[in-house]
Amino acid sequence: ELQGGIEMVLSKTTGNFYATAKKAFIP
């Protein structure tokens, strides 16, 4: 399970930013 760096995303519903990171799996 791999995780990328932190990203700040603007919420479409609240208009506030939240922190997230994308994940992927490699065999």
mmCIF file of all heavy atoms, coordinates in Angstrom:
data_MODEL
# 
_entry.id   MODEL 
# 
loop_
_atom_site.group_PDB 
_atom_site.id 
_atom_site.type_symbol 
_atom_site.label_atom_id 
_atom_site.label_alt_id 
_atom_site.label_comp_id 
_atom_site.label_asym_id 
_atom_site.label_entity_id 
_atom_site.label_seq_id 
_atom_site.pdbx_PDB_ins_code 
_atom_site.Cartn_x 
_atom_site.Cartn_y 
_atom_site.Cartn_z 
_atom_site.occupancy 
_atom_site.B_iso_or_equiv 
_atom_site.pdbx_formal_charge 
_atom_site.auth_seq_id 
_atom_site.auth_comp_id 
_atom_site.auth_asym_id 
_atom_site.auth_atom_id 
_atom_site.pdbx_PDB_model_num 
ATOM 1   N N   . GLU A 1 1  ? 0.862   -1.181 0.000  1.00 0.00 ? 1  GLU A N   1 
ATOM 2   C CA  . GLU A 1 1  ? 0.000   0.000  0.000  1.00 0.00 ? 1  GLU A CA  1 
ATOM 3   C C   . GLU A 1 1  ? 0.896   1.229  0.000  1.00 0.00 ? 1  GLU A C   1 
ATOM 4   O O   . GLU A 1 1  ? 1.708   1.426  0.909  1.00 0.00 ? 1  GLU A O   1 
ATOM 5   C CB  . GLU A 1 1  ? -0.907  0.003  1.232  1.00 0.00 ? 1  GLU A CB  1 
ATOM 6   C CG  . GLU A 1 1  ? -1.883  1.144  1.244  1.00 0.00 ? 1  GLU A CG  1 
ATOM 7   C CD  . GLU A 1 1  ? -2.839  1.094  2.429  1.00 0.00 ? 1  GLU A CD  1 
ATOM 8   O OE1 . GLU A 1 1  ? -2.650  0.250  3.338  1.00 0.00 ? 1  GLU A OE1 1 
ATOM 9   O OE2 . GLU A 1 1  ? -3.770  1.914  2.462  1.00 0.00 ? 1  GLU A OE2 1 
ATOM 10  N N   . LEU A 1 2  ? 0.772   2.052  -1.044 1.00 0.00 ? 2  LEU A N   1 
ATOM 11  C CA  . LEU A 1 2  ? 1.577   3.256  -1.191 1.00 0.00 ? 2  LEU A CA  1 
ATOM 12  C C   . LEU A 1 2  ? 0.724   4.489  -0.932 1.00 0.00 ? 2  LEU A C   1 
ATOM 13  O O   . LEU A 1 2  ? -0.460  4.512  -1.278 1.00 0.00 ? 2  LEU A O   1 
ATOM 14  C CB  . LEU A 1 2  ? 2.150   3.344  -2.615 1.00 0.00 ? 2  LEU A CB  1 
ATOM 15  C CG  . LEU A 1 2  ? 2.927   2.140  -3.127 1.00 0.00 ? 2  LEU A CG  1 
ATOM 16  C CD1 . LEU A 1 2  ? 3.381   2.389  -4.549 1.00 0.00 ? 2  LEU A CD1 1 
ATOM 17  C CD2 . LEU A 1 2  ? 4.097   1.823  -2.221 1.00 0.00 ? 2  LEU A CD2 1 
ATOM 18  N N   . GLN A 1 3  ? 1.334   5.514  -0.367 1.00 0.00 ? 3  GLN A N   1 
ATOM 19  C CA  . GLN A 1 3  ? 0.628   6.769  -0.128 1.00 0.00 ? 3  GLN A CA  1 
ATOM 20  C C   . GLN A 1 3  ? 1.493   7.914  -0.632 1.00 0.00 ? 3  GLN A C   1 
ATOM 21  O O   . GLN A 1 3  ? 2.690   7.965  -0.359 1.00 0.00 ? 3  GLN A O   1 
ATOM 22  C CB  . GLN A 1 3  ? 0.359   6.950  1.362  1.00 0.00 ? 3  GLN A CB  1 
ATOM 23  C CG  . GLN A 1 3  ? -0.395  8.221  1.678  1.00 0.00 ? 3  GLN A CG  1 
ATOM 24  C CD  . GLN A 1 3  ? -0.780  8.280  3.143  1.00 0.00 ? 3  GLN A CD  1 
ATOM 25  O OE1 . GLN A 1 3  ? -1.331  7.335  3.686  1.00 0.00 ? 3  GLN A OE1 1 
ATOM 26  N NE2 . GLN A 1 3  ? -0.479  9.395  3.781  1.00 0.00 ? 3  GLN A NE2 1 
ATOM 27  N N   . GLY A 1 4  ? 0.859   8.829  -1.380 1.00 0.00 ? 4  GLY A N   1 
ATOM 28  C CA  . GLY A 1 4  ? 1.546   10.015 -1.876 1.00 0.00 ? 4  GLY A CA  1 
ATOM 29  C C   . GLY A 1 4  ? 1.634   11.071 -0.797 1.00 0.00 ? 4  GLY A C   1 
ATOM 30  O O   . GLY A 1 4  ? 1.193   10.878 0.337  1.00 0.00 ? 4  GLY A O   1 
ATOM 31  N N   . GLY A 1 5  ? 2.188   12.215 -1.160 1.00 0.00 ? 5  GLY A N   1 
ATOM 32  C CA  . GLY A 1 5  ? 2.338   13.314 -0.219 1.00 0.00 ? 5  GLY A CA  1 
ATOM 33  C C   . GLY A 1 5  ? 1.006   13.971 0.113  1.00 0.00 ? 5  GLY A C   1 
ATOM 34  O O   . GLY A 1 5  ? -0.009  13.755 -0.549 1.00 0.00 ? 5  GLY A O   1 
ATOM 35  N N   . ILE A 1 6  ? 1.030   14.798 1.137  1.00 0.00 ? 6  ILE A N   1 
ATOM 36  C CA  . ILE A 1 6  ? -0.174  15.491 1.582  1.00 0.00 ? 6  ILE A CA  1 
ATOM 37  C C   . ILE A 1 6  ? -0.614  16.504 0.514  1.00 0.00 ? 6  ILE A C   1 
ATOM 38  O O   . ILE A 1 6  ? 0.205   17.137 -0.135 1.00 0.00 ? 6  ILE A O   1 
ATOM 39  C CB  . ILE A 1 6  ? 0.056   16.183 2.937  1.00 0.00 ? 6  ILE A CB  1 
ATOM 40  C CG1 . ILE A 1 6  ? -1.260  16.711 3.498  1.00 0.00 ? 6  ILE A CG1 1 
ATOM 41  C CG2 . ILE A 1 6  ? 1.096   17.272 2.823  1.00 0.00 ? 6  ILE A CG2 1 
ATOM 42  C CD1 . ILE A 1 6  ? -1.160  17.188 4.933  1.00 0.00 ? 6  ILE A CD1 1 
ATOM 43  N N   . GLU A 1 7  ? -1.923  16.596 0.327  1.00 0.00 ? 7  GLU A N   1 
ATOM 44  C CA  . GLU A 1 7  ? -2.508  17.549 -0.610 1.00 0.00 ? 7  GLU A CA  1 
ATOM 45  C C   . GLU A 1 7  ? -3.632  18.289 0.093  1.00 0.00 ? 7  GLU A C   1 
ATOM 46  O O   . GLU A 1 7  ? -4.382  17.705 0.864  1.00 0.00 ? 7  GLU A O   1 
ATOM 47  C CB  . GLU A 1 7  ? -3.089  16.810 -1.826 1.00 0.00 ? 7  GLU A CB  1 
ATOM 48  C CG  . GLU A 1 7  ? -2.063  16.046 -2.627 1.00 0.00 ? 7  GLU A CG  1 
ATOM 49  C CD  . GLU A 1 7  ? -2.672  15.312 -3.802 1.00 0.00 ? 7  GLU A CD  1 
ATOM 50  O OE1 . GLU A 1 7  ? -3.742  15.717 -4.280 1.00 0.00 ? 7  GLU A OE1 1 
ATOM 51  O OE2 . GLU A 1 7  ? -2.072  14.323 -4.227 1.00 0.00 ? 7  GLU A OE2 1 
ATOM 52  N N   . MET A 1 8  ? -3.744  19.563 -0.213 1.00 0.00 ? 8  MET A N   1 
ATOM 53  C CA  . MET A 1 8  ? -4.837  20.365 0.338  1.00 0.00 ? 8  MET A CA  1 
ATOM 54  C C   . MET A 1 8  ? -5.915  20.476 -0.733 1.00 0.00 ? 8  MET A C   1 
ATOM 55  O O   . MET A 1 8  ? -5.644  20.861 -1.870 1.00 0.00 ? 8  MET A O   1 
ATOM 56  C CB  . MET A 1 8  ? -4.344  21.753 0.738  1.00 0.00 ? 8  MET A CB  1 
ATOM 57  C CG  . MET A 1 8  ? -3.266  21.719 1.824  1.00 0.00 ? 8  MET A CG  1 
ATOM 58  S SD  . MET A 1 8  ? -3.746  20.821 3.312  1.00 0.00 ? 8  MET A SD  1 
ATOM 59  C CE  . MET A 1 8  ? -5.019  21.882 3.948  1.00 0.00 ? 8  MET A CE  1 
ATOM 60  N N   . VAL A 1 9  ? -7.142  20.105 -0.368 1.00 0.00 ? 9  VAL A N   1 
ATOM 61  C CA  . VAL A 1 9  ? -8.263  20.090 -1.305 1.00 0.00 ? 9  VAL A CA  1 
ATOM 62  C C   . VAL A 1 9  ? -9.363  20.995 -0.759 1.00 0.00 ? 9  VAL A C   1 
ATOM 63  O O   . VAL A 1 9  ? -9.651  20.980 0.442  1.00 0.00 ? 9  VAL A O   1 
ATOM 64  C CB  . VAL A 1 9  ? -8.792  18.654 -1.497 1.00 0.00 ? 9  VAL A CB  1 
ATOM 65  C CG1 . VAL A 1 9  ? -9.983  18.638 -2.436 1.00 0.00 ? 9  VAL A CG1 1 
ATOM 66  C CG2 . VAL A 1 9  ? -7.689  17.746 -2.005 1.00 0.00 ? 9  VAL A CG2 1 
ATOM 67  N N   . LEU A 1 10 ? -9.974  21.752 -1.653 1.00 0.00 ? 10 LEU A N   1 
ATOM 68  C CA  . LEU A 1 10 ? -11.064 22.639 -1.276 1.00 0.00 ? 10 LEU A CA  1 
ATOM 69  C C   . LEU A 1 10 ? -12.382 21.877 -1.365 1.00 0.00 ? 10 LEU A C   1 
ATOM 70  O O   . LEU A 1 10 ? -12.731 21.343 -2.418 1.00 0.00 ? 10 LEU A O   1 
ATOM 71  C CB  . LEU A 1 10 ? -11.102 23.858 -2.204 1.00 0.00 ? 10 LEU A CB  1 
ATOM 72  C CG  . LEU A 1 10 ? -12.114 24.936 -1.888 1.00 0.00 ? 10 LEU A CG  1 
ATOM 73  C CD1 . LEU A 1 10 ? -11.841 25.550 -0.516 1.00 0.00 ? 10 LEU A CD1 1 
ATOM 74  C CD2 . LEU A 1 10 ? -12.084 26.016 -2.966 1.00 0.00 ? 10 LEU A CD2 1 
ATOM 75  N N   . SER A 1 11 ? -13.116 21.800 -0.259 1.00 0.00 ? 11 SER A N   1 
ATOM 76  C CA  . SER A 1 11 ? -14.388 21.093 -0.217 1.00 0.00 ? 11 SER A CA  1 
ATOM 77  C C   . SER A 1 11 ? -15.427 21.832 -1.058 1.00 0.00 ? 11 SER A C   1 
ATOM 78  O O   . SER A 1 11 ? -15.593 23.048 -0.930 1.00 0.00 ? 11 SER A O   1 
ATOM 79  C CB  . SER A 1 11 ? -14.890 20.984 1.223  1.00 0.00 ? 11 SER A CB  1 
ATOM 80  O OG  . SER A 1 11 ? -16.216 20.496 1.247  1.00 0.00 ? 11 SER A OG  1 
ATOM 81  N N   . LYS A 1 12 ? -16.145 21.098 -1.905 1.00 0.00 ? 12 LYS A N   1 
ATOM 82  C CA  . LYS A 1 12 ? -17.201 21.701 -2.726 1.00 0.00 ? 12 LYS A CA  1 
ATOM 83  C C   . LYS A 1 12 ? -18.429 22.047 -1.885 1.00 0.00 ? 12 LYS A C   1 
ATOM 84  O O   . LYS A 1 12 ? -19.180 22.945 -2.227 1.00 0.00 ? 12 LYS A O   1 
ATOM 85  C CB  . LYS A 1 12 ? -17.603 20.735 -3.854 1.00 0.00 ? 12 LYS A CB  1 
ATOM 86  C CG  . LYS A 1 12 ? -16.516 20.536 -4.882 1.00 0.00 ? 12 LYS A CG  1 
ATOM 87  C CD  . LYS A 1 12 ? -16.943 19.545 -5.944 1.00 0.00 ? 12 LYS A CD  1 
ATOM 88  C CE  . LYS A 1 12 ? -15.839 19.285 -6.939 1.00 0.00 ? 12 LYS A CE  1 
ATOM 89  N NZ  . LYS A 1 12 ? -16.196 18.261 -7.911 1.00 0.00 ? 12 LYS A NZ  1 
ATOM 90  N N   . THR A 1 13 ? -18.638 21.329 -0.802 1.00 0.00 ? 13 THR A N   1 
ATOM 91  C CA  . THR A 1 13 ? -19.837 21.569 0.008  1.00 0.00 ? 13 THR A CA  1 
ATOM 92  C C   . THR A 1 13 ? -19.630 22.640 1.081  1.00 0.00 ? 13 THR A C   1 
ATOM 93  O O   . THR A 1 13 ? -20.507 23.468 1.297  1.00 0.00 ? 13 THR A O   1 
ATOM 94  C CB  . THR A 1 13 ? -20.322 20.269 0.683  1.00 0.00 ? 13 THR A CB  1 
ATOM 95  O OG1 . THR A 1 13 ? -19.259 19.721 1.450  1.00 0.00 ? 13 THR A OG1 1 
ATOM 96  C CG2 . THR A 1 13 ? -20.784 19.268 -0.350 1.00 0.00 ? 13 THR A CG2 1 
ATOM 97  N N   . THR A 1 14 ? -18.467 22.640 1.761  1.00 0.00 ? 14 THR A N   1 
ATOM 98  C CA  . THR A 1 14 ? -18.259 23.600 2.852  1.00 0.00 ? 14 THR A CA  1 
ATOM 99  C C   . THR A 1 14 ? -17.414 24.803 2.450  1.00 0.00 ? 14 THR A C   1 
ATOM 100 O O   . THR A 1 14 ? -17.441 25.819 3.129  1.00 0.00 ? 14 THR A O   1 
ATOM 101 C CB  . THR A 1 14 ? -17.567 22.922 4.051  1.00 0.00 ? 14 THR A CB  1 
ATOM 102 O OG1 . THR A 1 14 ? -16.230 22.553 3.659  1.00 0.00 ? 14 THR A OG1 1 
ATOM 103 C CG2 . THR A 1 14 ? -18.336 21.714 4.533  1.00 0.00 ? 14 THR A CG2 1 
ATOM 104 N N   . GLY A 1 15 ? -16.633 24.668 1.378  1.00 0.00 ? 15 GLY A N   1 
ATOM 105 C CA  . GLY A 1 15 ? -15.733 25.752 0.982  1.00 0.00 ? 15 GLY A CA  1 
ATOM 106 C C   . GLY A 1 15 ? -14.471 25.818 1.811  1.00 0.00 ? 15 GLY A C   1 
ATOM 107 O O   . GLY A 1 15 ? -13.658 26.722 1.649  1.00 0.00 ? 15 GLY A O   1 
ATOM 108 N N   . ASN A 1 16 ? -14.282 24.850 2.712  1.00 0.00 ? 16 ASN A N   1 
ATOM 109 C CA  . ASN A 1 16 ? -13.083 24.799 3.550  1.00 0.00 ? 16 ASN A CA  1 
ATOM 110 C C   . ASN A 1 16 ? -12.076 23.808 2.965  1.00 0.00 ? 16 ASN A C   1 
ATOM 111 O O   . ASN A 1 16 ? -12.443 22.845 2.299  1.00 0.00 ? 16 ASN A O   1 
ATOM 112 C CB  . ASN A 1 16 ? -13.435 24.366 4.968  1.00 0.00 ? 16 ASN A CB  1 
ATOM 113 C CG  . ASN A 1 16 ? -14.306 25.377 5.661  1.00 0.00 ? 16 ASN A CG  1 
ATOM 114 O OD1 . ASN A 1 16 ? -14.171 26.581 5.454  1.00 0.00 ? 16 ASN A OD1 1 
ATOM 115 N ND2 . ASN A 1 16 ? -15.223 24.897 6.487  1.00 0.00 ? 16 ASN A ND2 1 
ATOM 116 N N   . PHE A 1 17 ? -10.804 24.030 3.296  1.00 0.00 ? 17 PHE A N   1 
ATOM 117 C CA  . PHE A 1 17 ? -9.761  23.100 2.860  1.00 0.00 ? 17 PHE A CA  1 
ATOM 118 C C   . PHE A 1 17 ? -9.690  21.908 3.804  1.00 0.00 ? 17 PHE A C   1 
ATOM 119 O O   . PHE A 1 17 ? -10.003 22.018 4.991  1.00 0.00 ? 17 PHE A O   1 
ATOM 120 C CB  . PHE A 1 17 ? -8.397  23.798 2.846  1.00 0.00 ? 17 PHE A CB  1 
ATOM 121 C CG  . PHE A 1 17 ? -8.206  24.676 1.647  1.00 0.00 ? 17 PHE A CG  1 
ATOM 122 C CD1 . PHE A 1 17 ? -8.435  26.035 1.731  1.00 0.00 ? 17 PHE A CD1 1 
ATOM 123 C CD2 . PHE A 1 17 ? -7.787  24.144 0.437  1.00 0.00 ? 17 PHE A CD2 1 
ATOM 124 C CE1 . PHE A 1 17 ? -8.265  26.857 0.637  1.00 0.00 ? 17 PHE A CE1 1 
ATOM 125 C CE2 . PHE A 1 17 ? -7.609  24.952 -0.673 1.00 0.00 ? 17 PHE A CE2 1 
ATOM 126 C CZ  . PHE A 1 17 ? -7.847  26.315 -0.575 1.00 0.00 ? 17 PHE A CZ  1 
ATOM 127 N N   . TYR A 1 18 ? -9.294  20.783 3.272  1.00 0.00 ? 18 TYR A N   1 
ATOM 128 C CA  . TYR A 1 18 ? -8.981  19.621 4.092  1.00 0.00 ? 18 TYR A CA  1 
ATOM 129 C C   . TYR A 1 18 ? -7.753  18.934 3.523  1.00 0.00 ? 18 TYR A C   1 
ATOM 130 O O   . TYR A 1 18 ? -7.444  19.062 2.345  1.00 0.00 ? 18 TYR A O   1 
ATOM 131 C CB  . TYR A 1 18 ? -10.168 18.654 4.203  1.00 0.00 ? 18 TYR A CB  1 
ATOM 132 C CG  . TYR A 1 18 ? -10.612 18.024 2.897  1.00 0.00 ? 18 TYR A CG  1 
ATOM 133 C CD1 . TYR A 1 18 ? -10.116 16.780 2.489  1.00 0.00 ? 18 TYR A CD1 1 
ATOM 134 C CD2 . TYR A 1 18 ? -11.542 18.650 2.076  1.00 0.00 ? 18 TYR A CD2 1 
ATOM 135 C CE1 . TYR A 1 18 ? -10.529 16.203 1.309  1.00 0.00 ? 18 TYR A CE1 1 
ATOM 136 C CE2 . TYR A 1 18 ? -11.966 18.069 0.893  1.00 0.00 ? 18 TYR A CE2 1 
ATOM 137 C CZ  . TYR A 1 18 ? -11.453 16.841 0.509  1.00 0.00 ? 18 TYR A CZ  1 
ATOM 138 O OH  . TYR A 1 18 ? -11.850 16.263 -0.661 1.00 0.00 ? 18 TYR A OH  1 
ATOM 139 N N   . ALA A 1 19 ? -7.020  18.233 4.379  1.00 0.00 ? 19 ALA A N   1 
ATOM 140 C CA  . ALA A 1 19 ? -5.796  17.540 3.979  1.00 0.00 ? 19 ALA A CA  1 
ATOM 141 C C   . ALA A 1 19 ? -6.134  16.112 3.600  1.00 0.00 ? 19 ALA A C   1 
ATOM 142 O O   . ALA A 1 19 ? -6.938  15.443 4.253  1.00 0.00 ? 19 ALA A O   1 
ATOM 143 C CB  . ALA A 1 19 ? -4.783  17.559 5.116  1.00 0.00 ? 19 ALA A CB  1 
ATOM 144 N N   . THR A 1 20 ? -5.513  15.635 2.530  1.00 0.00 ? 20 THR A N   1 
ATOM 145 C CA  . THR A 1 20 ? -5.719  14.263 2.091  1.00 0.00 ? 20 THR A CA  1 
ATOM 146 C C   . THR A 1 20 ? -4.448  13.759 1.423  1.00 0.00 ? 20 THR A C   1 
ATOM 147 O O   . THR A 1 20 ? -3.513  14.527 1.178  1.00 0.00 ? 20 THR A O   1 
ATOM 148 C CB  . THR A 1 20 ? -6.924  14.161 1.128  1.00 0.00 ? 20 THR A CB  1 
ATOM 149 O OG1 . THR A 1 20 ? -7.201  12.772 0.865  1.00 0.00 ? 20 THR A OG1 1 
ATOM 150 C CG2 . THR A 1 20 ? -6.654  14.876 -0.178 1.00 0.00 ? 20 THR A CG2 1 
ATOM 151 N N   . ALA A 1 21 ? -4.403  12.490 1.130  1.00 0.00 ? 21 ALA A N   1 
ATOM 152 C CA  . ALA A 1 21 ? -3.288  11.883 0.406  1.00 0.00 ? 21 ALA A CA  1 
ATOM 153 C C   . ALA A 1 21 ? -3.845  10.724 -0.417 1.00 0.00 ? 21 ALA A C   1 
ATOM 154 O O   . ALA A 1 21 ? -4.719  9.984  0.056  1.00 0.00 ? 21 ALA A O   1 
ATOM 155 C CB  . ALA A 1 21 ? -2.217  11.395 1.372  1.00 0.00 ? 21 ALA A CB  1 
ATOM 156 N N   . LYS A 1 22 ? -3.350  10.592 -1.614 1.00 0.00 ? 22 LYS A N   1 
ATOM 157 C CA  . LYS A 1 22 ? -3.815  9.518  -2.492 1.00 0.00 ? 22 LYS A CA  1 
ATOM 158 C C   . LYS A 1 22 ? -3.087  8.216  -2.162 1.00 0.00 ? 22 LYS A C   1 
ATOM 159 O O   . LYS A 1 22 ? -1.948  8.222  -1.720 1.00 0.00 ? 22 LYS A O   1 
ATOM 160 C CB  . LYS A 1 22 ? -3.578  9.912  -3.940 1.00 0.00 ? 22 LYS A CB  1 
ATOM 161 C CG  . LYS A 1 22 ? -4.419  11.119 -4.321 1.00 0.00 ? 22 LYS A CG  1 
ATOM 162 C CD  . LYS A 1 22 ? -4.276  11.451 -5.774 1.00 0.00 ? 22 LYS A CD  1 
ATOM 163 C CE  . LYS A 1 22 ? -5.160  12.594 -6.202 1.00 0.00 ? 22 LYS A CE  1 
ATOM 164 N NZ  . LYS A 1 22 ? -5.224  13.720 -5.357 1.00 0.00 ? 22 LYS A NZ  1 
ATOM 165 N N   . LYS A 1 23 ? -3.797  7.089  -2.356 1.00 0.00 ? 23 LYS A N   1 
ATOM 166 C CA  . LYS A 1 23 ? -3.223  5.773  -2.072 1.00 0.00 ? 23 LYS A CA  1 
ATOM 167 C C   . LYS A 1 23 ? -3.363  4.879  -3.297 1.00 0.00 ? 23 LYS A C   1 
ATOM 168 O O   . LYS A 1 23 ? -4.270  5.046  -4.096 1.00 0.00 ? 23 LYS A O   1 
ATOM 169 C CB  . LYS A 1 23 ? -3.937  5.117  -0.895 1.00 0.00 ? 23 LYS A CB  1 
ATOM 170 C CG  . LYS A 1 23 ? -3.739  5.811  0.418  1.00 0.00 ? 23 LYS A CG  1 
ATOM 171 C CD  . LYS A 1 23 ? -4.467  5.079  1.526  1.00 0.00 ? 23 LYS A CD  1 
ATOM 172 C CE  . LYS A 1 23 ? -4.343  5.819  2.843  1.00 0.00 ? 23 LYS A CE  1 
ATOM 173 N NZ  . LYS A 1 23 ? -5.058  5.119  3.907  1.00 0.00 ? 23 LYS A NZ  1 
ATOM 174 N N   . ALA A 1 24 ? -2.453  3.927  -3.407 1.00 0.00 ? 24 ALA A N   1 
ATOM 175 C CA  . ALA A 1 24 ? -2.505  2.931  -4.481 1.00 0.00 ? 24 ALA A CA  1 
ATOM 176 C C   . ALA A 1 24 ? -1.863  1.650  -3.968 1.00 0.00 ? 24 ALA A C   1 
ATOM 177 O O   . ALA A 1 24 ? -1.124  1.659  -2.972 1.00 0.00 ? 24 ALA A O   1 
ATOM 178 C CB  . ALA A 1 24 ? -1.769  3.433  -5.721 1.00 0.00 ? 24 ALA A CB  1 
ATOM 179 N N   . PHE A 1 25 ? -2.166  0.547  -4.624 1.00 0.00 ? 25 PHE A N   1 
ATOM 180 C CA  . PHE A 1 25 ? -1.580  -0.746 -4.282 1.00 0.00 ? 25 PHE A CA  1 
ATOM 181 C C   . PHE A 1 25 ? -0.786  -1.263 -5.468 1.00 0.00 ? 25 PHE A C   1 
ATOM 182 O O   . PHE A 1 25 ? -1.217  -1.109 -6.614 1.00 0.00 ? 25 PHE A O   1 
ATOM 183 C CB  . PHE A 1 25 ? -2.680  -1.762 -3.937 1.00 0.00 ? 25 PHE A CB  1 
ATOM 184 C CG  . PHE A 1 25 ? -3.390  -1.455 -2.648 1.00 0.00 ? 25 PHE A CG  1 
ATOM 185 C CD1 . PHE A 1 25 ? -4.524  -0.664 -2.637 1.00 0.00 ? 25 PHE A CD1 1 
ATOM 186 C CD2 . PHE A 1 25 ? -2.916  -1.952 -1.449 1.00 0.00 ? 25 PHE A CD2 1 
ATOM 187 C CE1 . PHE A 1 25 ? -5.188  -0.374 -1.459 1.00 0.00 ? 25 PHE A CE1 1 
ATOM 188 C CE2 . PHE A 1 25 ? -3.571  -1.673 -0.261 1.00 0.00 ? 25 PHE A CE2 1 
ATOM 189 C CZ  . PHE A 1 25 ? -4.703  -0.881 -0.268 1.00 0.00 ? 25 PHE A CZ  1 
ATOM 190 N N   . ILE A 1 26 ? 0.386   -1.866 -5.192 1.00 0.00 ? 26 ILE A N   1 
ATOM 191 C CA  . ILE A 1 26 ? 1.165   -2.500 -6.250 1.00 0.00 ? 26 ILE A CA  1 
ATOM 192 C C   . ILE A 1 26 ? 1.494   -3.932 -5.830 1.00 0.00 ? 26 ILE A C   1 
ATOM 193 O O   . ILE A 1 26 ? 1.817   -4.190 -4.667 1.00 0.00 ? 26 ILE A O   1 
ATOM 194 C CB  . ILE A 1 26 ? 2.458   -1.731 -6.584 1.00 0.00 ? 26 ILE A CB  1 
ATOM 195 C CG1 . ILE A 1 26 ? 3.353   -1.562 -5.357 1.00 0.00 ? 26 ILE A CG1 1 
ATOM 196 C CG2 . ILE A 1 26 ? 2.153   -0.378 -7.204 1.00 0.00 ? 26 ILE A CG2 1 
ATOM 197 C CD1 . ILE A 1 26 ? 4.736   -1.034 -5.677 1.00 0.00 ? 26 ILE A CD1 1 
ATOM 198 N N   . PRO A 1 27 ? 1.390   -4.882 -6.768 1.00 0.00 ? 27 PRO A N   1 
ATOM 199 C CA  . PRO A 1 27 ? 1.705   -6.269 -6.434 1.00 0.00 ? 27 PRO A CA  1 
ATOM 200 C C   . PRO A 1 27 ? 3.208   -6.458 -6.230 1.00 0.00 ? 27 PRO A C   1 
ATOM 201 O O   . PRO A 1 27 ? 4.014   -5.687 -6.756 1.00 0.00 ? 27 PRO A O   1 
ATOM 202 C CB  . PRO A 1 27 ? 1.206   -7.047 -7.653 1.00 0.00 ? 27 PRO A CB  1 
ATOM 203 C CG  . PRO A 1 27 ? 1.135   -6.060 -8.760 1.00 0.00 ? 27 PRO A CG  1 
ATOM 204 C CD  . PRO A 1 27 ? 0.926   -4.718 -8.138 1.00 0.00 ? 27 PRO A CD  1 
# 
